[in-house]
Amino acid sequence: MPQENATLTVRRLQSVTDAQLQGLAGLLVDCVEGGASVSFMQPLSVDHALAFWRCVADGVDGGERALFVAEDAEGIVGTVQLILAQPDNQPHRADVAKMLVHRRARRQGLGAALMRAAEQTAKACGKTLLVLDTASGEAERLYERSGWQRVGVIPGYALLPAGEPCDTTYFYKALEV
């Protein structure tokens, strides 16, 4: 069920086309170039970004991941993943990963719309607990406003794309199904 506003559509992809892979790769490159700590270093090549998204697409095809995209008239401007496949003793849980919003589409409520879509799908899949981590300071405000609970901070957990260390904050959200 796509969510729309005047210029934006958020929807879940059931499979990923080559054109969508290109759009997702462009989005990832933009975020890394903008300094977002999303597991990649600068410079990020389109080929490396495409390889990452092909692995994600395999997980979507296998039912292990739910992939959401936000699109405007120019293409994909945001995405988030819900990792549904968990260990046997955690069937009630899913991880939220790779929340990305293109620099040209920030501050328009896109992150919140993507999170709502992921949470609705998690509920529909019977998940009652969501977990995520984020570079400290990057999206914490969004998660806190959306009802996520901060667990704690691990200092120096990762590197920013240019190589400086950054802290990582963990969050969880209990869902009512």
N, C-alpha and C. Protein backbone atom coordinates (compact mmCIF):
# COMPACT_ATOMS: atom_id res chain seq x y z
N MET A 1 0.83 -1.18 0.00
CA MET A 1 0.00 0.00 0.00
C MET A 1 0.87 1.24 0.00
N PRO A 2 1.03 1.88 -1.13
CA PRO A 2 1.87 3.07 -1.21
C PRO A 2 1.30 4.22 -0.40
N GLN A 3 2.19 5.00 0.22
CA GLN A 3 1.80 6.22 0.91
C GLN A 3 2.24 7.38 0.02
N GLU A 4 1.36 8.37 -0.14
CA GLU A 4 1.68 9.46 -1.05
C GLU A 4 1.44 10.81 -0.39
N ASN A 5 2.21 11.80 -0.82
CA ASN A 5 1.86 13.18 -0.58
C ASN A 5 1.92 13.85 -1.95
N ALA A 6 1.89 15.16 -2.02
CA ALA A 6 1.79 15.83 -3.31
C ALA A 6 2.91 15.46 -4.28
N THR A 7 4.10 15.22 -3.76
CA THR A 7 5.23 14.98 -4.66
C THR A 7 5.98 13.68 -4.39
N LEU A 8 5.60 12.95 -3.35
CA LEU A 8 6.38 11.80 -2.91
C LEU A 8 5.51 10.56 -2.77
N THR A 9 6.07 9.42 -3.15
CA THR A 9 5.40 8.13 -2.94
C THR A 9 6.36 7.22 -2.20
N VAL A 10 5.87 6.57 -1.14
CA VAL A 10 6.64 5.58 -0.40
C VAL A 10 5.97 4.24 -0.63
N ARG A 11 6.77 3.25 -1.06
CA ARG A 11 6.19 1.93 -1.31
C ARG A 11 7.23 0.85 -1.06
N ARG A 12 6.71 -0.36 -0.86
CA ARG A 12 7.56 -1.53 -0.68
C ARG A 12 7.81 -2.16 -2.03
N LEU A 13 9.06 -2.50 -2.30
CA LEU A 13 9.41 -3.20 -3.52
C LEU A 13 9.36 -4.70 -3.25
N GLN A 14 8.63 -5.43 -4.08
CA GLN A 14 8.56 -6.88 -3.96
C GLN A 14 9.70 -7.55 -4.71
N SER A 15 10.25 -6.84 -5.67
CA SER A 15 11.45 -7.23 -6.41
C SER A 15 12.11 -5.94 -6.86
N VAL A 16 13.35 -6.03 -7.31
CA VAL A 16 14.12 -4.83 -7.64
C VAL A 16 14.57 -4.91 -9.10
N THR A 17 14.17 -3.93 -9.89
CA THR A 17 14.53 -3.88 -11.30
C THR A 17 15.93 -3.27 -11.47
N ASP A 18 16.49 -3.41 -12.66
CA ASP A 18 17.79 -2.79 -12.93
C ASP A 18 17.73 -1.28 -12.77
N ALA A 19 16.65 -0.66 -13.22
CA ALA A 19 16.51 0.79 -13.08
C ALA A 19 16.46 1.18 -11.60
N GLN A 20 15.76 0.39 -10.79
CA GLN A 20 15.71 0.68 -9.36
C GLN A 20 17.07 0.46 -8.71
N LEU A 21 17.81 -0.56 -9.14
CA LEU A 21 19.17 -0.74 -8.63
C LEU A 21 20.02 0.49 -8.91
N GLN A 22 19.90 1.03 -10.12
CA GLN A 22 20.66 2.24 -10.47
C GLN A 22 20.25 3.41 -9.58
N GLY A 23 18.95 3.57 -9.35
CA GLY A 23 18.47 4.66 -8.50
C GLY A 23 18.94 4.51 -7.06
N LEU A 24 18.89 3.29 -6.55
CA LEU A 24 19.36 3.04 -5.18
C LEU A 24 20.87 3.26 -5.07
N ALA A 25 21.62 2.86 -6.08
CA ALA A 25 23.07 3.08 -6.07
C ALA A 25 23.38 4.57 -6.08
N GLY A 26 22.66 5.34 -6.89
CA GLY A 26 22.86 6.79 -6.92
C GLY A 26 22.54 7.43 -5.58
N LEU A 27 21.48 6.95 -4.94
CA LEU A 27 21.10 7.45 -3.62
C LEU A 27 22.20 7.16 -2.60
N LEU A 28 22.71 5.94 -2.59
CA LEU A 28 23.77 5.57 -1.65
C LEU A 28 25.03 6.40 -1.87
N VAL A 29 25.41 6.58 -3.12
CA VAL A 29 26.60 7.39 -3.42
C VAL A 29 26.39 8.83 -2.92
N ASP A 30 25.19 9.39 -3.15
CA ASP A 30 24.91 10.75 -2.68
C ASP A 30 25.04 10.85 -1.16
N CYS A 31 24.50 9.88 -0.45
CA CYS A 31 24.56 9.92 1.02
C CYS A 31 25.99 9.81 1.52
N VAL A 32 26.77 8.92 0.93
CA VAL A 32 28.16 8.77 1.35
C VAL A 32 28.96 10.02 1.01
N GLU A 33 28.75 10.58 -0.18
CA GLU A 33 29.43 11.83 -0.54
C GLU A 33 29.07 12.95 0.42
N GLY A 34 27.83 12.91 0.94
CA GLY A 34 27.38 13.92 1.89
C GLY A 34 27.85 13.67 3.32
N GLY A 35 28.60 12.58 3.54
CA GLY A 35 29.18 12.33 4.85
C GLY A 35 28.39 11.40 5.75
N ALA A 36 27.32 10.80 5.25
CA ALA A 36 26.50 9.91 6.09
C ALA A 36 27.27 8.63 6.41
N SER A 37 27.20 8.23 7.66
CA SER A 37 27.86 7.00 8.11
C SER A 37 26.89 5.84 7.89
N VAL A 38 27.03 5.18 6.74
CA VAL A 38 26.13 4.08 6.37
C VAL A 38 26.92 2.87 5.88
N SER A 39 28.07 2.65 6.51
CA SER A 39 28.92 1.47 6.28
C SER A 39 29.85 1.56 5.09
N PHE A 40 29.92 2.67 4.41
CA PHE A 40 30.76 2.81 3.23
C PHE A 40 31.70 4.00 3.39
N MET A 41 32.83 3.91 2.72
CA MET A 41 33.84 4.96 2.79
C MET A 41 33.89 5.73 1.47
N GLN A 42 34.41 6.96 1.55
CA GLN A 42 34.60 7.79 0.35
C GLN A 42 35.94 7.44 -0.28
N PRO A 43 36.05 7.51 -1.57
CA PRO A 43 34.95 7.66 -2.53
C PRO A 43 34.25 6.32 -2.73
N LEU A 44 32.95 6.36 -2.88
CA LEU A 44 32.16 5.16 -3.14
C LEU A 44 31.83 5.10 -4.62
N SER A 45 32.29 4.06 -5.28
CA SER A 45 32.01 3.91 -6.71
C SER A 45 30.59 3.41 -6.93
N VAL A 46 30.03 3.73 -8.05
CA VAL A 46 28.71 3.23 -8.41
C VAL A 46 28.72 1.71 -8.49
N ASP A 47 29.81 1.13 -8.99
CA ASP A 47 29.90 -0.33 -9.07
C ASP A 47 29.83 -0.98 -7.69
N HIS A 48 30.52 -0.40 -6.72
CA HIS A 48 30.49 -0.94 -5.36
C HIS A 48 29.08 -0.79 -4.77
N ALA A 49 28.46 0.36 -5.01
CA ALA A 49 27.09 0.59 -4.53
C ALA A 49 26.12 -0.40 -5.20
N LEU A 50 26.29 -0.64 -6.49
CA LEU A 50 25.42 -1.60 -7.19
C LEU A 50 25.59 -3.01 -6.62
N ALA A 51 26.80 -3.39 -6.31
CA ALA A 51 27.05 -4.72 -5.74
C ALA A 51 26.31 -4.87 -4.41
N PHE A 52 26.34 -3.83 -3.59
CA PHE A 52 25.61 -3.86 -2.33
C PHE A 52 24.12 -4.04 -2.58
N TRP A 53 23.55 -3.25 -3.49
CA TRP A 53 22.11 -3.31 -3.72
C TRP A 53 21.69 -4.62 -4.37
N ARG A 54 22.57 -5.23 -5.14
CA ARG A 54 22.24 -6.55 -5.70
C ARG A 54 22.09 -7.58 -4.58
N CYS A 55 22.94 -7.50 -3.57
CA CYS A 55 22.81 -8.41 -2.41
C CYS A 55 21.50 -8.14 -1.66
N VAL A 56 21.16 -6.88 -1.51
CA VAL A 56 19.88 -6.54 -0.87
C VAL A 56 18.73 -7.10 -1.69
N ALA A 57 18.80 -6.94 -3.02
CA ALA A 57 17.74 -7.44 -3.90
C ALA A 57 17.59 -8.95 -3.76
N ASP A 58 18.69 -9.66 -3.59
CA ASP A 58 18.61 -11.11 -3.36
C ASP A 58 17.85 -11.41 -2.07
N GLY A 59 18.09 -10.61 -1.03
CA GLY A 59 17.38 -10.78 0.23
C GLY A 59 15.90 -10.48 0.10
N VAL A 60 15.57 -9.49 -0.73
CA VAL A 60 14.16 -9.17 -1.00
C VAL A 60 13.51 -10.35 -1.71
N ASP A 61 14.19 -10.86 -2.74
CA ASP A 61 13.65 -12.00 -3.50
C ASP A 61 13.45 -13.22 -2.60
N GLY A 62 14.33 -13.40 -1.61
CA GLY A 62 14.25 -14.55 -0.73
C GLY A 62 13.31 -14.35 0.46
N GLY A 63 12.70 -13.17 0.56
CA GLY A 63 11.78 -12.91 1.66
C GLY A 63 12.45 -12.60 2.98
N GLU A 64 13.77 -12.40 2.94
CA GLU A 64 14.52 -12.11 4.16
C GLU A 64 14.49 -10.64 4.53
N ARG A 65 14.21 -9.78 3.55
CA ARG A 65 14.20 -8.33 3.74
C ARG A 65 12.98 -7.72 3.08
N ALA A 66 12.51 -6.66 3.70
CA ALA A 66 11.51 -5.80 3.05
C ALA A 66 12.25 -4.51 2.70
N LEU A 67 12.10 -4.08 1.47
CA LEU A 67 12.79 -2.88 0.98
C LEU A 67 11.75 -1.83 0.61
N PHE A 68 11.88 -0.66 1.18
CA PHE A 68 10.96 0.45 0.91
C PHE A 68 11.72 1.55 0.20
N VAL A 69 11.05 2.19 -0.75
CA VAL A 69 11.64 3.33 -1.44
C VAL A 69 10.68 4.50 -1.40
N ALA A 70 11.25 5.67 -1.40
CA ALA A 70 10.50 6.91 -1.56
C ALA A 70 10.93 7.49 -2.91
N GLU A 71 9.94 7.87 -3.70
CA GLU A 71 10.22 8.39 -5.03
C GLU A 71 9.54 9.74 -5.24
N ASP A 72 10.19 10.57 -6.01
CA ASP A 72 9.57 11.80 -6.48
C ASP A 72 9.62 11.78 -8.00
N ALA A 73 9.35 12.89 -8.63
CA ALA A 73 9.31 12.94 -10.09
C ALA A 73 10.65 12.59 -10.72
N GLU A 74 11.75 12.76 -9.98
CA GLU A 74 13.08 12.49 -10.53
C GLU A 74 13.58 11.08 -10.23
N GLY A 75 12.88 10.33 -9.39
CA GLY A 75 13.30 8.97 -9.08
C GLY A 75 13.38 8.70 -7.59
N ILE A 76 14.19 7.73 -7.22
CA ILE A 76 14.32 7.30 -5.83
C ILE A 76 15.10 8.35 -5.03
N VAL A 77 14.48 8.80 -3.93
CA VAL A 77 15.11 9.80 -3.07
C VAL A 77 15.25 9.32 -1.63
N GLY A 78 14.77 8.12 -1.34
CA GLY A 78 14.89 7.60 0.02
C GLY A 78 14.65 6.12 0.05
N THR A 79 15.16 5.47 1.10
CA THR A 79 14.96 4.05 1.26
C THR A 79 15.20 3.65 2.71
N VAL A 80 14.63 2.53 3.08
CA VAL A 80 14.91 1.89 4.36
C VAL A 80 14.63 0.40 4.18
N GLN A 81 15.30 -0.41 4.97
CA GLN A 81 15.12 -1.87 4.91
C GLN A 81 14.64 -2.38 6.25
N LEU A 82 13.86 -3.44 6.18
CA LEU A 82 13.42 -4.17 7.35
C LEU A 82 13.96 -5.59 7.19
N ILE A 83 14.89 -5.96 8.06
CA ILE A 83 15.49 -7.29 7.99
C ILE A 83 14.62 -8.22 8.81
N LEU A 84 13.85 -9.03 8.09
CA LEU A 84 12.86 -9.91 8.71
C LEU A 84 13.47 -11.22 9.19
N ALA A 85 14.45 -11.74 8.47
CA ALA A 85 15.06 -13.03 8.82
C ALA A 85 15.93 -12.85 10.06
N GLN A 86 15.58 -13.55 11.12
CA GLN A 86 16.30 -13.47 12.38
C GLN A 86 16.58 -14.89 12.87
N PRO A 87 17.45 -15.03 13.87
CA PRO A 87 17.72 -16.36 14.42
C PRO A 87 16.45 -17.01 14.97
N ASP A 88 16.49 -18.32 15.11
CA ASP A 88 15.33 -19.08 15.57
C ASP A 88 14.74 -18.56 16.88
N ASN A 89 15.58 -18.08 17.78
CA ASN A 89 15.09 -17.64 19.08
C ASN A 89 14.61 -16.18 19.08
N GLN A 90 14.53 -15.56 17.88
CA GLN A 90 14.10 -14.17 17.79
C GLN A 90 13.08 -13.95 16.67
N PRO A 91 12.09 -14.81 16.56
CA PRO A 91 11.13 -14.67 15.46
C PRO A 91 10.24 -13.43 15.57
N HIS A 92 10.21 -12.83 16.74
CA HIS A 92 9.37 -11.66 17.02
C HIS A 92 10.06 -10.34 16.66
N ARG A 93 11.31 -10.40 16.22
CA ARG A 93 12.13 -9.20 16.05
C ARG A 93 12.50 -8.98 14.60
N ALA A 94 12.71 -7.71 14.24
CA ALA A 94 13.27 -7.33 12.94
C ALA A 94 14.23 -6.16 13.16
N ASP A 95 15.19 -6.02 12.27
CA ASP A 95 16.13 -4.90 12.32
C ASP A 95 15.77 -3.90 11.23
N VAL A 96 15.90 -2.63 11.55
CA VAL A 96 15.74 -1.56 10.57
C VAL A 96 17.14 -1.17 10.14
N ALA A 97 17.35 -1.07 8.82
CA ALA A 97 18.70 -0.80 8.31
C ALA A 97 18.68 0.15 7.11
N LYS A 98 19.78 0.81 6.94
CA LYS A 98 20.08 1.66 5.78
C LYS A 98 18.97 2.67 5.45
N MET A 99 18.62 3.46 6.47
CA MET A 99 17.72 4.59 6.22
C MET A 99 18.55 5.64 5.46
N LEU A 100 18.17 5.88 4.23
CA LEU A 100 18.90 6.83 3.38
C LEU A 100 17.92 7.83 2.79
N VAL A 101 18.28 9.11 2.85
CA VAL A 101 17.48 10.16 2.21
C VAL A 101 18.45 11.04 1.41
N HIS A 102 18.14 11.21 0.15
CA HIS A 102 18.97 12.04 -0.74
C HIS A 102 19.06 13.45 -0.17
N ARG A 103 20.20 14.08 -0.33
CA ARG A 103 20.39 15.44 0.21
C ARG A 103 19.36 16.42 -0.32
N ARG A 104 18.89 16.24 -1.55
CA ARG A 104 17.91 17.18 -2.11
C ARG A 104 16.50 16.97 -1.57
N ALA A 105 16.27 15.89 -0.82
CA ALA A 105 14.92 15.58 -0.35
C ALA A 105 14.81 15.59 1.18
N ARG A 106 15.82 16.08 1.86
CA ARG A 106 15.78 16.07 3.32
C ARG A 106 14.87 17.16 3.87
N ARG A 107 14.44 16.96 5.11
CA ARG A 107 13.60 17.91 5.84
C ARG A 107 12.22 18.07 5.22
N GLN A 108 11.71 16.98 4.63
CA GLN A 108 10.37 16.98 4.04
C GLN A 108 9.48 15.89 4.65
N GLY A 109 9.92 15.28 5.74
CA GLY A 109 9.14 14.24 6.38
C GLY A 109 9.33 12.86 5.78
N LEU A 110 10.28 12.75 4.89
CA LEU A 110 10.52 11.50 4.18
C LEU A 110 11.00 10.38 5.10
N GLY A 111 11.92 10.68 6.01
CA GLY A 111 12.41 9.67 6.94
C GLY A 111 11.27 9.12 7.79
N ALA A 112 10.42 9.99 8.28
CA ALA A 112 9.28 9.55 9.10
C ALA A 112 8.33 8.69 8.28
N ALA A 113 8.09 9.05 7.03
CA ALA A 113 7.20 8.26 6.17
C ALA A 113 7.78 6.88 5.90
N LEU A 114 9.07 6.81 5.66
CA LEU A 114 9.72 5.52 5.45
C LEU A 114 9.64 4.65 6.71
N MET A 115 9.86 5.26 7.86
CA MET A 115 9.79 4.51 9.12
C MET A 115 8.38 4.00 9.37
N ARG A 116 7.36 4.82 9.09
CA ARG A 116 5.97 4.36 9.26
C ARG A 116 5.69 3.15 8.39
N ALA A 117 6.16 3.18 7.15
CA ALA A 117 5.95 2.05 6.24
C ALA A 117 6.64 0.79 6.76
N ALA A 118 7.86 0.94 7.26
CA ALA A 118 8.59 -0.22 7.79
C ALA A 118 7.89 -0.77 9.03
N GLU A 119 7.43 0.12 9.90
CA GLU A 119 6.76 -0.33 11.12
C GLU A 119 5.44 -1.02 10.80
N GLN A 120 4.68 -0.50 9.85
CA GLN A 120 3.41 -1.14 9.47
C GLN A 120 3.64 -2.54 8.91
N THR A 121 4.67 -2.67 8.09
CA THR A 121 4.98 -3.99 7.53
C THR A 121 5.46 -4.94 8.62
N ALA A 122 6.27 -4.44 9.55
CA ALA A 122 6.73 -5.29 10.65
C ALA A 122 5.54 -5.83 11.43
N LYS A 123 4.58 -4.97 11.74
CA LYS A 123 3.37 -5.40 12.45
C LYS A 123 2.62 -6.46 11.65
N ALA A 124 2.47 -6.21 10.34
CA ALA A 124 1.75 -7.16 9.48
C ALA A 124 2.46 -8.52 9.44
N CYS A 125 3.76 -8.51 9.65
CA CYS A 125 4.54 -9.76 9.66
C CYS A 125 4.62 -10.38 11.05
N GLY A 126 3.91 -9.80 12.01
CA GLY A 126 3.89 -10.35 13.35
C GLY A 126 5.08 -9.98 14.21
N LYS A 127 5.84 -9.00 13.80
CA LYS A 127 7.01 -8.57 14.59
C LYS A 127 6.55 -7.64 15.70
N THR A 128 7.11 -7.81 16.89
CA THR A 128 6.74 -6.98 18.03
C THR A 128 7.90 -6.14 18.56
N LEU A 129 9.08 -6.32 18.00
CA LEU A 129 10.24 -5.57 18.45
C LEU A 129 11.10 -5.21 17.25
N LEU A 130 11.44 -3.93 17.14
CA LEU A 130 12.35 -3.45 16.11
C LEU A 130 13.60 -2.89 16.77
N VAL A 131 14.75 -3.05 16.10
CA VAL A 131 16.03 -2.59 16.61
C VAL A 131 16.76 -1.89 15.47
N LEU A 132 17.49 -0.83 15.80
CA LEU A 132 18.31 -0.16 14.79
C LEU A 132 19.51 0.48 15.47
N ASP A 133 20.51 0.80 14.66
CA ASP A 133 21.63 1.60 15.14
C ASP A 133 21.87 2.71 14.13
N THR A 134 22.39 3.82 14.63
CA THR A 134 22.66 4.97 13.79
C THR A 134 23.90 5.70 14.29
N ALA A 135 24.59 6.33 13.38
CA ALA A 135 25.72 7.16 13.79
C ALA A 135 25.16 8.24 14.72
N SER A 136 25.75 8.38 15.86
CA SER A 136 25.25 9.33 16.85
C SER A 136 25.14 10.72 16.25
N GLY A 137 23.99 11.34 16.46
CA GLY A 137 23.76 12.69 15.96
C GLY A 137 23.12 12.76 14.60
N GLU A 138 23.16 11.68 13.80
CA GLU A 138 22.65 11.76 12.43
C GLU A 138 21.13 11.74 12.35
N ALA A 139 20.50 10.72 12.87
CA ALA A 139 19.05 10.61 12.73
C ALA A 139 18.36 10.40 14.08
N GLU A 140 19.09 10.63 15.15
CA GLU A 140 18.53 10.37 16.47
C GLU A 140 17.23 11.11 16.72
N ARG A 141 17.14 12.35 16.31
CA ARG A 141 15.94 13.15 16.53
C ARG A 141 14.73 12.52 15.85
N LEU A 142 14.92 12.05 14.62
CA LEU A 142 13.84 11.39 13.89
C LEU A 142 13.33 10.18 14.67
N TYR A 143 14.23 9.33 15.13
CA TYR A 143 13.84 8.11 15.83
C TYR A 143 13.16 8.44 17.16
N GLU A 144 13.70 9.37 17.89
CA GLU A 144 13.10 9.74 19.17
C GLU A 144 11.69 10.30 18.97
N ARG A 145 11.49 11.15 17.97
CA ARG A 145 10.16 11.71 17.68
C ARG A 145 9.18 10.62 17.24
N SER A 146 9.71 9.53 16.69
CA SER A 146 8.86 8.44 16.22
C SER A 146 8.62 7.38 17.29
N GLY A 147 9.01 7.67 18.54
CA GLY A 147 8.72 6.76 19.64
C GLY A 147 9.75 5.69 19.91
N TRP A 148 10.91 5.80 19.31
CA TRP A 148 11.98 4.83 19.55
C TRP A 148 12.66 5.16 20.88
N GLN A 149 13.14 4.12 21.55
CA GLN A 149 13.82 4.26 22.84
C GLN A 149 15.32 4.08 22.65
N ARG A 150 16.07 5.05 23.16
CA ARG A 150 17.53 4.97 23.10
C ARG A 150 18.03 3.92 24.09
N VAL A 151 18.90 3.03 23.62
CA VAL A 151 19.48 2.01 24.48
C VAL A 151 20.82 2.49 25.03
N GLY A 152 21.64 3.02 24.14
CA GLY A 152 22.95 3.48 24.58
C GLY A 152 23.85 3.82 23.41
N VAL A 153 25.02 4.30 23.73
CA VAL A 153 26.00 4.76 22.75
C VAL A 153 27.28 3.95 22.89
N ILE A 154 27.83 3.54 21.76
CA ILE A 154 29.14 2.89 21.74
C ILE A 154 30.11 3.89 21.11
N PRO A 155 31.07 4.39 21.90
CA PRO A 155 32.01 5.38 21.36
C PRO A 155 32.94 4.77 20.31
N GLY A 156 33.22 5.55 19.27
CA GLY A 156 34.19 5.14 18.26
C GLY A 156 33.83 3.85 17.54
N TYR A 157 32.57 3.54 17.42
CA TYR A 157 32.12 2.25 16.86
C TYR A 157 32.44 2.09 15.38
N ALA A 158 32.34 3.17 14.62
CA ALA A 158 32.53 3.10 13.17
C ALA A 158 33.32 4.32 12.71
N LEU A 159 33.53 4.36 11.40
CA LEU A 159 34.18 5.52 10.79
C LEU A 159 33.19 6.25 9.90
N LEU A 160 33.29 7.57 9.90
CA LEU A 160 32.55 8.36 8.92
C LEU A 160 33.19 8.13 7.55
N PRO A 161 32.51 8.46 6.47
CA PRO A 161 33.04 8.17 5.13
C PRO A 161 34.42 8.75 4.83
N ALA A 162 34.77 9.86 5.48
CA ALA A 162 36.08 10.45 5.26
C ALA A 162 37.15 9.88 6.18
N GLY A 163 36.77 8.99 7.12
CA GLY A 163 37.74 8.30 7.94
C GLY A 163 37.77 8.66 9.41
N GLU A 164 37.00 9.68 9.84
CA GLU A 164 37.01 10.05 11.26
C GLU A 164 36.13 9.06 12.03
N PRO A 165 36.53 8.72 13.27
CA PRO A 165 35.69 7.83 14.07
C PRO A 165 34.39 8.52 14.48
N CYS A 166 33.34 7.70 14.65
CA CYS A 166 32.08 8.25 15.13
C CYS A 166 31.44 7.25 16.10
N ASP A 167 30.62 7.80 16.98
CA ASP A 167 29.89 6.98 17.93
C ASP A 167 28.64 6.42 17.24
N THR A 168 28.12 5.32 17.79
CA THR A 168 26.90 4.71 17.27
C THR A 168 25.90 4.61 18.41
N THR A 169 24.65 4.98 18.14
CA THR A 169 23.58 4.91 19.12
C THR A 169 22.61 3.81 18.72
N TYR A 170 22.23 2.99 19.68
CA TYR A 170 21.27 1.90 19.45
C TYR A 170 19.90 2.30 19.97
N PHE A 171 18.86 1.91 19.23
CA PHE A 171 17.47 2.19 19.58
C PHE A 171 16.65 0.92 19.43
N TYR A 172 15.51 0.89 20.13
CA TYR A 172 14.52 -0.18 19.92
C TYR A 172 13.13 0.43 19.98
N LYS A 173 12.19 -0.28 19.41
CA LYS A 173 10.79 0.12 19.48
C LYS A 173 9.94 -1.12 19.63
N ALA A 174 9.12 -1.15 20.68
CA ALA A 174 8.17 -2.24 20.87
C ALA A 174 6.91 -1.91 20.08
N LEU A 175 6.42 -2.88 19.32
CA LEU A 175 5.23 -2.68 18.50
C LEU A 175 4.05 -3.45 19.08
N GLU A 176 2.90 -2.87 18.98
CA GLU A 176 1.68 -3.59 19.35
C GLU A 176 1.10 -4.19 18.09
N VAL A 177 0.92 -5.50 18.10
CA VAL A 177 0.39 -6.18 16.91
C VAL A 177 -1.08 -6.44 17.09
